[in-house]
N, C-alpha and C. Protein backbone atom coordinates (compact mmCIF):
# COMPACT_ATOMS: atom_id res chain seq x y z
N MET A 1 -67.05 25.29 -66.98
CA MET A 1 -66.42 25.91 -65.59
C MET A 1 -66.83 27.54 -65.76
N ASP A 2 -67.17 27.85 -64.70
CA ASP A 2 -67.32 29.32 -64.69
C ASP A 2 -66.19 30.12 -64.68
N THR A 3 -66.23 31.57 -64.87
CA THR A 3 -65.01 32.19 -65.09
C THR A 3 -64.67 32.41 -63.64
N CYS A 4 -65.48 32.85 -62.75
CA CYS A 4 -65.39 32.90 -61.30
C CYS A 4 -64.59 31.77 -60.70
N GLU A 5 -64.93 30.65 -60.99
CA GLU A 5 -64.15 29.37 -60.55
C GLU A 5 -63.01 29.29 -61.00
N MET A 6 -62.59 29.67 -62.41
CA MET A 6 -61.46 29.68 -62.90
C MET A 6 -60.69 30.61 -62.11
N GLN A 7 -61.01 31.70 -62.02
CA GLN A 7 -60.08 32.77 -61.26
C GLN A 7 -59.82 32.07 -59.82
N VAL A 8 -60.72 31.63 -59.15
CA VAL A 8 -60.50 31.07 -57.76
C VAL A 8 -59.26 29.86 -58.00
N PHE A 9 -59.55 29.11 -58.97
CA PHE A 9 -58.51 27.89 -59.19
C PHE A 9 -57.06 28.53 -59.44
N LEU A 10 -56.92 29.65 -60.38
CA LEU A 10 -55.66 30.16 -60.55
C LEU A 10 -55.10 30.80 -59.59
N TYR A 11 -55.89 31.47 -58.71
CA TYR A 11 -55.52 32.08 -57.55
C TYR A 11 -54.94 31.07 -56.56
N ALA A 12 -55.70 29.75 -56.35
CA ALA A 12 -55.15 28.96 -55.54
C ALA A 12 -53.86 28.32 -56.03
N ALA A 13 -53.73 27.85 -57.32
CA ALA A 13 -52.58 27.22 -57.84
C ALA A 13 -51.32 28.20 -57.69
N ARG A 14 -51.61 29.63 -57.95
CA ARG A 14 -50.45 30.44 -57.63
C ARG A 14 -50.05 30.50 -56.05
N MET A 15 -51.15 30.36 -55.21
CA MET A 15 -50.88 30.33 -53.82
C MET A 15 -49.92 29.03 -53.32
N LEU A 16 -50.44 27.97 -53.84
CA LEU A 16 -49.64 26.91 -53.75
C LEU A 16 -48.22 26.92 -54.25
N ARG A 17 -47.99 27.36 -55.40
CA ARG A 17 -46.83 27.39 -56.05
C ARG A 17 -45.88 28.46 -55.05
N GLY A 18 -46.42 29.61 -54.70
CA GLY A 18 -45.60 30.70 -53.71
C GLY A 18 -45.25 29.67 -52.34
N LEU A 19 -46.39 29.07 -51.89
CA LEU A 19 -45.84 28.49 -50.84
C LEU A 19 -44.81 27.35 -50.93
N ASN A 20 -44.86 26.69 -52.06
CA ASN A 20 -43.75 25.77 -52.55
C ASN A 20 -42.56 26.38 -52.53
N TRP A 21 -42.61 27.50 -53.16
CA TRP A 21 -41.30 28.27 -53.66
C TRP A 21 -40.62 28.87 -52.08
N ILE A 22 -41.47 29.36 -51.23
CA ILE A 22 -41.03 29.76 -49.97
C ILE A 22 -40.33 28.59 -49.15
N SER A 23 -41.12 27.35 -49.18
CA SER A 23 -40.52 26.38 -48.45
C SER A 23 -39.15 25.80 -49.02
N HIS A 24 -39.01 25.80 -50.44
CA HIS A 24 -37.86 25.40 -50.84
C HIS A 24 -36.74 26.41 -50.54
N SER A 25 -36.93 27.70 -50.70
CA SER A 25 -36.06 28.69 -50.66
C SER A 25 -35.75 28.79 -49.18
N SER A 26 -36.43 28.41 -48.06
CA SER A 26 -36.11 28.58 -46.76
C SER A 26 -35.20 27.51 -46.46
N VAL A 27 -35.34 26.36 -47.28
CA VAL A 27 -34.45 25.09 -46.98
C VAL A 27 -32.94 25.42 -47.49
N LEU A 28 -32.94 26.21 -48.61
CA LEU A 28 -31.62 26.58 -49.16
C LEU A 28 -31.15 27.95 -48.33
């Protein structure tokens, strides 16, 4: 895996986690 691809993957994972957290916090 390229380091660039790794960066994009980590960024995407962080974004998804952020969206997940936001949706959960909005429910509460």
